Amino acid sequence: MRKIDFEKPDQEALHHSMLVQEHLKNKVNDHQGWLSFYDFMNFVLYKPTLGYYSTGTHKIGLGGDFTTAPEVSKLFGVAIANQLLPAIRKYKKPSILEIGAGSGKLAFDIINHLNNRNVELDYYYILEISGDLKERQKRTLSQLPKEIQVKIRWLDKVPEEGIEGAVIANEVIDALPFERFKIIDNDILQIGITFKGSQLMEKERAASPVLKEAITNIENDIGRSFDSGSVSEIRIDFEDWFKSINKGLKSGIALFIDYGYARKDYYSSEIDNGNMICHFQNKAHLDPYIYPGLQDISASVDFSLLADSAFNLGYQVELYCHQADFLMSADILESINSETDDEERIRMNQQIKQLFLPNIMGESFKCMLLSKECNIEHLEAVKDLRHML
């Protein structure tokens, strides 16, 4: 295990990581000694009983590996609820489907705020693949009144009949597996893993035809070739993922919030080592191979890819903007001004700084609002970035 600037995991965690590595090595051997980064990432994050999102490690919030906006402040959920209201009120029996609900804090704040606004949902669905997070969500949402709790349903797949209302995905796309590639002169190399004895190692080989075609399409779109030596990533099966999510929405809006860029910025020549980021013990780093099964691996979102996939399925891209602008247009500051407790108002202002400041979450995180078979009013108070897509 290479040296890292983290506290050493306890013996139970180390044992789990060694078990993950042992099973991973067997999988590599079953694939002629090499595994693509996509398959590696899918294994160490999502393999049942072994993957990072399938076990009981403390992932989110204080003492976890990373912190999401709902953990920062309840105002994040309040702002989203306010943005959902115009579309939700169009339906007699509106529902919300949240993809990957984390700790359940966002769901709690949205449901609680809508209830305070006398908005009755038919159901609040949560699509969650992690058994550990599902149990945490249930504990969080058990604090809601009993008559509201009965409206919350957990799903293993999207409701095929489709809901009328809204789909929400906060920091979901960044965790979808991706391929990594490297350009050497005119050759495209696919990054993957192998084992040398018991040592997990990165190894490159000639890219598959599917990956080569996808990269060529990107180069045509951005109007330049990748520089030799540059490394980046791509979610080549993203459109299939979005099609599966699309089945869950009959009519309404879909809101995606994540860190990322439009395609030309994502594949900018100034970003020559890709957009991958890893999180362990609430610290960000760039090594995806330490402690398999104990750390998070993700990458920024190509929002142009999201927009294209949505457009191909008949959606309208209603809005693309910085998170700070999105929250500002949702009357989030009114919630602070209406707070009568001085200490609470000061605390809320500190939380807002983390959500708003450009160098923290305000600009690195983007919001994309899509509509499907639903006419909604455009949000005019925000700085719209759709021209960058």
Protein backbone atom coordinates (compact mmCIF):
# COMPACT_ATOMS: atom_id res chain seq x y z
CA MET A 1 0.00 0.00 0.00
CA ARG A 2 1.53 3.35 -1.03
CA LYS A 3 2.07 6.15 1.48
CA ILE A 4 -0.76 8.66 1.86
CA ASP A 5 -1.43 11.63 4.09
CA PHE A 6 -4.39 10.06 5.88
CA GLU A 7 -5.00 8.36 9.16
CA LYS A 8 -4.61 4.62 8.82
CA PRO A 9 -8.03 2.88 8.69
CA ASP A 10 -8.91 0.59 11.59
CA GLN A 11 -8.34 -3.14 11.36
CA GLU A 12 -11.91 -3.93 10.32
CA ALA A 13 -11.75 -1.43 7.45
CA LEU A 14 -8.31 -2.66 6.38
CA HIS A 15 -9.58 -6.24 6.37
CA HIS A 16 -12.52 -5.19 4.19
CA SER A 17 -10.22 -3.40 1.74
CA MET A 18 -7.98 -6.45 1.48
CA LEU A 19 -11.05 -8.58 0.80
CA VAL A 20 -12.14 -6.18 -1.94
CA GLN A 21 -8.68 -6.33 -3.47
CA GLU A 22 -8.68 -10.13 -3.36
CA HIS A 23 -12.01 -10.34 -5.20
CA LEU A 24 -10.86 -7.65 -7.60
CA LYS A 25 -7.75 -9.63 -8.42
CA ASN A 26 -9.92 -12.67 -9.21
CA LYS A 27 -12.00 -10.55 -11.56
CA VAL A 28 -8.87 -9.23 -13.28
CA ASN A 29 -7.62 -12.79 -13.75
CA ASP A 30 -10.99 -13.75 -15.25
CA HIS A 31 -10.47 -10.96 -17.81
CA GLN A 32 -7.04 -12.01 -19.07
CA GLY A 33 -5.14 -9.93 -16.55
CA TRP A 34 -6.60 -6.49 -17.36
CA LEU A 35 -9.72 -4.58 -16.39
CA SER A 36 -10.90 -1.26 -17.81
CA PHE A 37 -11.13 1.67 -15.41
CA TYR A 38 -14.91 1.66 -15.91
CA ASP A 39 -15.14 -1.95 -14.70
CA PHE A 40 -12.68 -1.27 -11.87
CA MET A 41 -14.69 1.73 -10.68
CA ASN A 42 -17.98 -0.13 -10.97
CA PHE A 43 -16.54 -2.95 -8.86
CA VAL A 44 -14.94 -0.95 -6.04
CA LEU A 45 -17.94 1.38 -5.69
CA TYR A 46 -20.99 -0.77 -6.41
CA LYS A 47 -20.16 -4.47 -6.05
CA PRO A 48 -22.76 -5.90 -3.61
CA THR A 49 -21.35 -6.45 -0.07
CA LEU A 50 -17.93 -5.16 -1.18
CA GLY A 51 -18.23 -1.81 -2.97
CA TYR A 52 -17.92 1.56 -1.26
CA TYR A 53 -21.62 2.36 -1.71
CA SER A 54 -22.71 -1.12 -0.66
CA THR A 55 -21.12 -1.21 2.79
CA GLY A 56 -21.58 0.54 6.12
CA THR A 57 -18.69 3.00 5.92
CA HIS A 58 -19.45 6.55 7.07
CA LYS A 59 -19.53 8.40 3.75
CA ILE A 60 -21.37 11.70 4.06
CA GLY A 61 -21.08 14.64 6.42
CA LEU A 62 -19.05 15.22 9.58
CA GLY A 63 -16.57 12.39 10.06
CA GLY A 64 -17.28 10.94 6.61
CA ASP A 65 -15.42 11.11 3.32
CA PHE A 66 -17.20 14.09 1.77
CA THR A 67 -19.85 16.72 2.52
CA THR A 68 -22.80 17.49 0.24
CA ALA A 69 -24.88 20.67 0.09
CA PRO A 70 -27.88 19.25 2.04
CA GLU A 71 -25.49 18.52 4.94
CA VAL A 72 -24.31 22.13 4.88
CA SER A 73 -27.71 23.76 5.31
CA LYS A 74 -31.44 23.02 5.28
CA LEU A 75 -31.75 26.11 3.07
CA PHE A 76 -30.48 24.05 0.14
CA GLY A 77 -33.55 21.80 0.34
CA VAL A 78 -35.81 24.79 0.92
CA ALA A 79 -34.47 26.45 -2.25
CA ILE A 80 -35.00 23.32 -4.33
CA ALA A 81 -38.53 22.92 -2.99
CA ASN A 82 -39.27 26.52 -3.97
CA GLN A 83 -37.98 25.86 -7.49
CA LEU A 84 -40.13 22.73 -7.80
CA LEU A 85 -43.35 24.40 -6.69
CA PRO A 86 -44.48 25.93 -10.03
CA ALA A 87 -44.28 22.56 -11.81
CA ILE A 88 -45.63 20.45 -8.94
CA ARG A 89 -48.73 22.62 -8.60
CA LYS A 90 -49.71 21.79 -12.17
CA TYR A 91 -50.68 18.26 -11.13
CA LYS A 92 -53.56 16.97 -8.99
CA LYS A 93 -51.44 14.16 -7.58
CA PRO A 94 -47.80 15.21 -7.94
CA SER A 95 -44.92 12.98 -6.90
CA ILE A 96 -41.18 13.45 -6.54
CA LEU A 97 -38.55 10.87 -7.46
CA GLU A 98 -35.12 11.43 -5.92
CA ILE A 99 -32.22 9.49 -7.43
CA GLY A 100 -29.62 8.57 -4.82
CA ALA A 101 -30.82 10.36 -1.68
CA GLY A 102 -27.58 10.23 0.32
CA SER A 103 -28.26 10.64 4.02
CA GLY A 104 -31.92 11.56 3.39
CA LYS A 105 -31.32 15.15 4.53
CA LEU A 106 -32.37 16.68 1.19
CA ALA A 107 -35.56 14.62 1.09
CA PHE A 108 -36.35 15.63 4.67
CA ASP A 109 -35.90 19.34 3.98
CA ILE A 110 -37.89 19.27 0.72
CA ILE A 111 -40.79 17.30 2.20
CA ASN A 112 -40.85 19.41 5.34
CA HIS A 113 -40.86 22.69 3.41
CA LEU A 114 -43.58 21.55 0.99
CA ASN A 115 -45.68 20.42 3.93
CA ASN A 116 -45.25 23.86 5.53
CA ARG A 117 -46.47 25.37 2.24
CA ASN A 118 -49.54 23.08 2.33
CA VAL A 119 -48.40 21.17 -0.76
CA GLU A 120 -49.52 17.55 -0.59
CA LEU A 121 -47.50 14.97 -2.51
CA ASP A 122 -48.93 11.71 -3.76
CA TYR A 123 -45.59 10.00 -3.07
CA TYR A 124 -41.95 10.85 -2.49
CA TYR A 125 -40.00 8.05 -4.15
CA ILE A 126 -36.34 7.35 -3.42
CA LEU A 127 -34.28 5.24 -5.80
CA GLU A 128 -31.36 3.94 -3.74
CA ILE A 129 -28.98 1.07 -4.51
CA SER A 130 -27.05 1.26 -1.24
CA GLY A 131 -28.60 -0.73 1.57
CA ASP A 132 -26.52 1.19 4.11
CA LEU A 133 -27.65 4.60 2.85
CA LYS A 134 -31.24 3.38 2.62
CA GLU A 135 -31.22 2.57 6.34
CA ARG A 136 -29.69 5.96 7.11
CA GLN A 137 -32.38 7.66 5.02
CA LYS A 138 -35.10 5.82 6.89
CA ARG A 139 -33.68 7.00 10.22
CA THR A 140 -33.54 10.60 9.00
CA LEU A 141 -37.04 10.58 7.54
CA SER A 142 -38.53 8.87 10.59
CA GLN A 143 -38.44 12.33 12.22
CA LEU A 144 -41.25 13.48 9.92
CA PRO A 145 -44.89 13.20 11.04
CA LYS A 146 -46.37 9.72 10.62
CA GLU A 147 -48.96 10.90 8.10
CA ILE A 148 -46.11 12.12 5.86
CA GLN A 149 -43.87 9.09 6.34
CA VAL A 150 -46.45 6.84 4.70
CA LYS A 151 -45.99 8.84 1.47
CA ILE A 152 -42.29 7.90 1.23
CA ARG A 153 -41.45 4.83 -0.83
CA TRP A 154 -38.05 3.26 -1.52
CA LEU A 155 -37.48 1.73 -4.94
CA ASP A 156 -34.90 -0.58 -6.50
CA LYS A 157 -35.70 0.70 -9.99
CA VAL A 158 -37.56 3.66 -11.48
CA PRO A 159 -41.38 3.37 -11.54
CA GLU A 160 -42.06 2.14 -15.07
CA GLU A 161 -45.47 3.83 -15.23
CA GLY A 162 -43.72 7.16 -14.67
CA ILE A 163 -44.65 9.90 -12.23
CA GLU A 164 -46.11 13.34 -12.79
CA GLY A 165 -44.08 15.91 -10.91
CA ALA A 166 -40.33 16.11 -10.51
CA VAL A 167 -37.14 14.04 -10.62
CA ILE A 168 -34.17 15.20 -8.54
CA ALA A 169 -30.55 14.05 -8.68
CA ASN A 170 -28.08 15.88 -6.44
CA GLU A 171 -24.46 14.77 -6.81
CA VAL A 172 -25.40 11.54 -8.56
CA ILE A 173 -23.92 11.78 -12.07
CA ASP A 174 -20.40 12.48 -10.77
CA ALA A 175 -20.35 9.01 -9.18
CA LEU A 176 -21.37 7.14 -12.35
CA PRO A 177 -18.52 4.94 -13.64
CA PHE A 178 -16.44 6.33 -16.49
CA GLU A 179 -13.64 5.31 -18.81
CA ARG A 180 -10.26 7.04 -18.56
CA PHE A 181 -8.03 7.53 -21.55
CA LYS A 182 -4.62 8.92 -22.43
CA ILE A 183 -3.38 10.40 -25.69
CA ILE A 184 0.16 9.54 -26.82
CA ASP A 185 0.97 11.20 -30.15
CA ASN A 186 -1.83 9.98 -32.42
CA ASP A 187 -2.68 6.92 -30.34
CA ILE A 188 -5.62 6.66 -27.91
CA LEU A 189 -4.85 4.48 -24.90
CA GLN A 190 -7.47 3.10 -22.57
CA ILE A 191 -6.52 3.24 -18.89
CA GLY A 192 -7.22 0.19 -16.78
CA ILE A 193 -5.75 -1.93 -14.00
CA THR A 194 -3.75 -5.08 -13.55
CA PHE A 195 -1.96 -6.86 -10.71
CA LYS A 196 1.76 -7.50 -10.28
CA GLY A 197 1.78 -10.12 -7.59
CA SER A 198 -0.50 -8.63 -4.93
CA GLN A 199 0.11 -5.04 -6.05
CA LEU A 200 -2.72 -3.24 -7.82
CA MET A 201 -1.30 -1.23 -10.72
CA GLU A 202 -2.50 1.02 -13.50
CA LYS A 203 -1.92 -0.26 -17.02
CA GLU A 204 -2.77 1.19 -20.43
CA ARG A 205 -3.61 -0.57 -23.64
CA ALA A 206 -4.99 0.35 -27.06
CA ALA A 207 -8.47 1.82 -26.73
CA SER A 208 -11.53 -0.17 -27.78
CA PRO A 209 -13.28 0.85 -31.02
CA VAL A 210 -16.25 2.18 -29.01
CA LEU A 211 -13.99 4.40 -26.89
CA LYS A 212 -12.05 5.61 -29.95
CA GLU A 213 -15.27 6.61 -31.69
CA ALA A 214 -16.53 8.45 -28.60
CA ILE A 215 -13.28 10.41 -28.29
CA THR A 216 -13.29 11.28 -31.98
CA ASN A 217 -16.83 12.61 -31.60
CA ILE A 218 -15.69 14.78 -28.69
CA GLU A 219 -12.79 16.17 -30.73
CA ASN A 220 -15.15 17.01 -33.58
CA ASP A 221 -17.52 18.72 -31.17
CA ILE A 222 -14.91 20.86 -29.39
CA GLY A 223 -13.09 21.63 -32.62
CA ARG A 224 -9.64 20.41 -31.66
CA SER A 225 -7.63 17.26 -31.07
CA PHE A 226 -6.41 16.26 -27.64
CA ASP A 227 -2.79 17.14 -26.94
CA SER A 228 -0.30 14.30 -26.64
CA GLY A 229 0.13 13.32 -23.00
CA SER A 230 -3.31 14.53 -21.92
CA VAL A 231 -5.54 12.35 -19.75
CA SER A 232 -9.30 12.59 -19.38
CA GLU A 233 -12.46 10.57 -18.91
CA ILE A 234 -15.79 9.91 -20.58
CA ARG A 235 -19.06 8.25 -19.61
CA ILE A 236 -19.70 6.32 -22.81
CA ASP A 237 -22.90 4.68 -21.54
CA PHE A 238 -24.43 7.86 -20.13
CA GLU A 239 -27.26 8.01 -22.64
CA ASP A 240 -28.37 4.51 -21.61
CA TRP A 241 -28.37 5.62 -17.97
CA PHE A 242 -30.46 8.68 -18.78
CA LYS A 243 -32.93 6.57 -20.77
CA SER A 244 -33.49 4.45 -17.67
CA ILE A 245 -34.14 7.58 -15.57
CA ASN A 246 -36.45 8.94 -18.26
CA LYS A 247 -38.81 6.00 -17.76
CA GLY A 248 -39.54 7.29 -14.28
CA LEU A 249 -40.94 10.64 -15.44
CA LYS A 250 -44.20 10.73 -17.39
CA SER A 251 -44.54 14.50 -17.25
CA GLY A 252 -42.86 17.26 -15.28
CA ILE A 253 -39.36 18.53 -14.59
CA ALA A 254 -35.97 16.99 -13.84
CA LEU A 255 -33.35 18.81 -11.79
CA PHE A 256 -29.69 17.78 -11.81
CA ILE A 257 -27.17 19.43 -9.48
CA ASP A 258 -23.51 18.50 -9.63
CA TYR A 259 -20.04 19.86 -10.09
CA GLY A 260 -19.01 20.09 -13.72
CA TYR A 261 -18.76 22.09 -16.92
CA ALA A 262 -20.04 22.48 -20.44
CA ARG A 263 -18.12 20.21 -22.83
CA LYS A 264 -15.61 22.73 -24.20
CA ASP A 265 -14.58 23.66 -20.67
CA TYR A 266 -14.60 20.05 -19.50
CA TYR A 267 -12.13 19.09 -22.23
CA SER A 268 -10.19 22.36 -22.14
CA SER A 269 -6.52 22.15 -23.12
CA GLU A 270 -5.75 23.69 -19.72
CA ILE A 271 -7.12 20.57 -17.99
CA ASP A 272 -4.56 18.02 -19.15
CA ASN A 273 -5.02 15.46 -16.37
CA GLY A 274 -8.77 15.00 -16.47
CA ASN A 275 -11.50 15.80 -13.96
CA MET A 276 -11.35 12.77 -11.69
CA ILE A 277 -11.35 13.35 -7.94
CA CYS A 278 -11.27 10.92 -5.01
CA HIS A 279 -12.40 11.44 -1.42
CA PHE A 280 -11.20 9.70 1.71
CA GLN A 281 -11.63 10.94 5.30
CA ASN A 282 -13.12 14.19 3.96
CA LYS A 283 -9.97 14.96 1.99
CA ALA A 284 -9.78 15.24 -1.78
CA HIS A 285 -6.94 13.55 -3.66
CA LEU A 286 -6.10 12.05 -7.06
CA ASP A 287 -5.22 8.41 -6.39
CA PRO A 288 -8.13 6.03 -7.15
CA TYR A 289 -6.16 2.91 -6.21
CA ILE A 290 -5.63 3.35 -2.47
CA TYR A 291 -7.74 1.29 -0.09
CA PRO A 292 -10.17 -0.22 -2.64
CA GLY A 293 -13.71 -0.21 -1.29
CA LEU A 294 -13.02 2.44 1.34
CA GLN A 295 -12.88 5.62 -0.74
CA ASP A 296 -15.09 7.48 -3.17
CA ILE A 297 -14.11 7.97 -6.83
CA SER A 298 -15.88 10.51 -9.03
CA ALA A 299 -15.43 13.00 -11.85
CA SER A 300 -16.97 16.29 -12.92
CA VAL A 301 -20.08 16.18 -15.08
CA ASP A 302 -20.11 16.98 -18.79
CA PHE A 303 -23.36 18.97 -18.76
CA SER A 304 -23.38 19.13 -22.56
CA LEU A 305 -23.67 15.35 -22.55
CA LEU A 306 -26.60 15.58 -20.15
CA ALA A 307 -28.29 18.22 -22.32
CA ASP A 308 -27.78 16.20 -25.52
CA SER A 309 -29.13 13.00 -23.93
CA ALA A 310 -32.18 14.86 -22.63
CA PHE A 311 -32.85 16.64 -25.92
CA ASN A 312 -32.73 13.32 -27.80
CA LEU A 313 -35.56 12.06 -25.58
CA GLY A 314 -37.78 15.08 -26.09
CA TYR A 315 -36.83 17.20 -23.08
CA GLN A 316 -36.39 20.95 -23.12
CA VAL A 317 -33.37 22.41 -21.36
CA GLU A 318 -35.03 25.16 -19.34
CA LEU A 319 -32.02 26.32 -17.38
CA TYR A 320 -28.29 25.79 -16.88
CA CYS A 321 -26.57 27.98 -14.30
CA HIS A 322 -24.23 28.22 -11.33
CA GLN A 323 -25.56 26.81 -8.07
CA ALA A 324 -25.29 30.24 -6.40
CA ASP A 325 -27.52 31.84 -9.05
CA PHE A 326 -30.01 28.99 -8.83
CA LEU A 327 -30.29 29.29 -5.06
CA MET A 328 -30.47 33.07 -5.18
CA SER A 329 -33.45 32.95 -7.54
CA ALA A 330 -35.27 30.63 -5.12
CA ASP A 331 -35.70 33.31 -2.46
CA ILE A 332 -33.22 31.59 -0.18
CA LEU A 333 -32.22 34.89 1.44
CA GLU A 334 -35.81 35.53 2.52
CA SER A 335 -35.61 32.46 4.75
CA ILE A 336 -32.63 34.02 6.52
CA ASN A 337 -34.21 37.44 6.86
CA SER A 338 -37.37 35.94 8.35
CA GLU A 339 -35.38 34.13 11.07
CA THR A 340 -36.02 35.85 14.41
CA ASP A 341 -33.24 34.16 16.40
CA ASP A 342 -30.02 36.18 15.96
CA GLU A 343 -27.67 33.27 16.61
CA GLU A 344 -29.52 31.05 14.15
CA ARG A 345 -29.47 33.80 11.52
CA ILE A 346 -25.68 34.17 11.92
CA ARG A 347 -25.27 30.41 11.58
CA MET A 348 -27.45 30.37 8.47
CA ASN A 349 -25.38 33.16 6.92
CA GLN A 350 -22.20 31.13 7.44
CA GLN A 351 -23.84 28.13 5.77
CA ILE A 352 -24.93 30.25 2.82
CA LYS A 353 -21.34 31.36 2.25
CA GLN A 354 -20.30 27.76 1.66
CA LEU A 355 -23.16 27.24 -0.80
CA PHE A 356 -22.61 30.57 -2.58
CA LEU A 357 -18.89 31.38 -2.65
CA PRO A 358 -17.32 30.70 -6.08
CA ASN A 359 -14.25 28.92 -4.69
CA ILE A 360 -16.36 26.49 -2.62
CA MET A 361 -19.67 25.41 -4.16
CA GLY A 362 -21.17 28.53 -5.73
CA GLU A 363 -19.66 28.21 -9.22
CA SER A 364 -18.05 24.77 -9.30
CA PHE A 365 -21.53 23.28 -8.89
CA LYS A 366 -24.04 23.75 -11.69
CA CYS A 367 -27.79 23.22 -11.93
CA MET A 368 -29.64 21.96 -15.00
CA LEU A 369 -33.42 22.07 -15.13
CA LEU A 370 -35.20 20.01 -17.79
CA SER A 371 -38.88 19.78 -18.67
CA LYS A 372 -40.84 16.94 -20.27
CA GLU A 373 -44.40 17.35 -21.52
CA CYS A 374 -44.70 20.29 -19.14
CA ASN A 375 -44.78 24.03 -19.76
CA ILE A 376 -43.04 25.98 -17.01
CA GLU A 377 -42.09 29.59 -16.54
CA HIS A 378 -38.47 30.38 -17.25
CA LEU A 379 -36.46 31.59 -14.30
CA GLU A 380 -35.35 35.10 -15.17
CA ALA A 381 -33.50 36.02 -12.00
CA VAL A 382 -30.49 33.79 -12.69
CA LYS A 383 -27.54 34.03 -15.04
CA ASP A 384 -28.42 31.47 -17.70
CA LEU A 385 -25.44 29.58 -19.15
CA ARG A 386 -27.28 27.53 -21.78
CA HIS A 387 -25.39 29.27 -24.57
CA MET A 388 -22.22 27.51 -23.32
CA LEU A 389 -23.64 24.01 -23.86
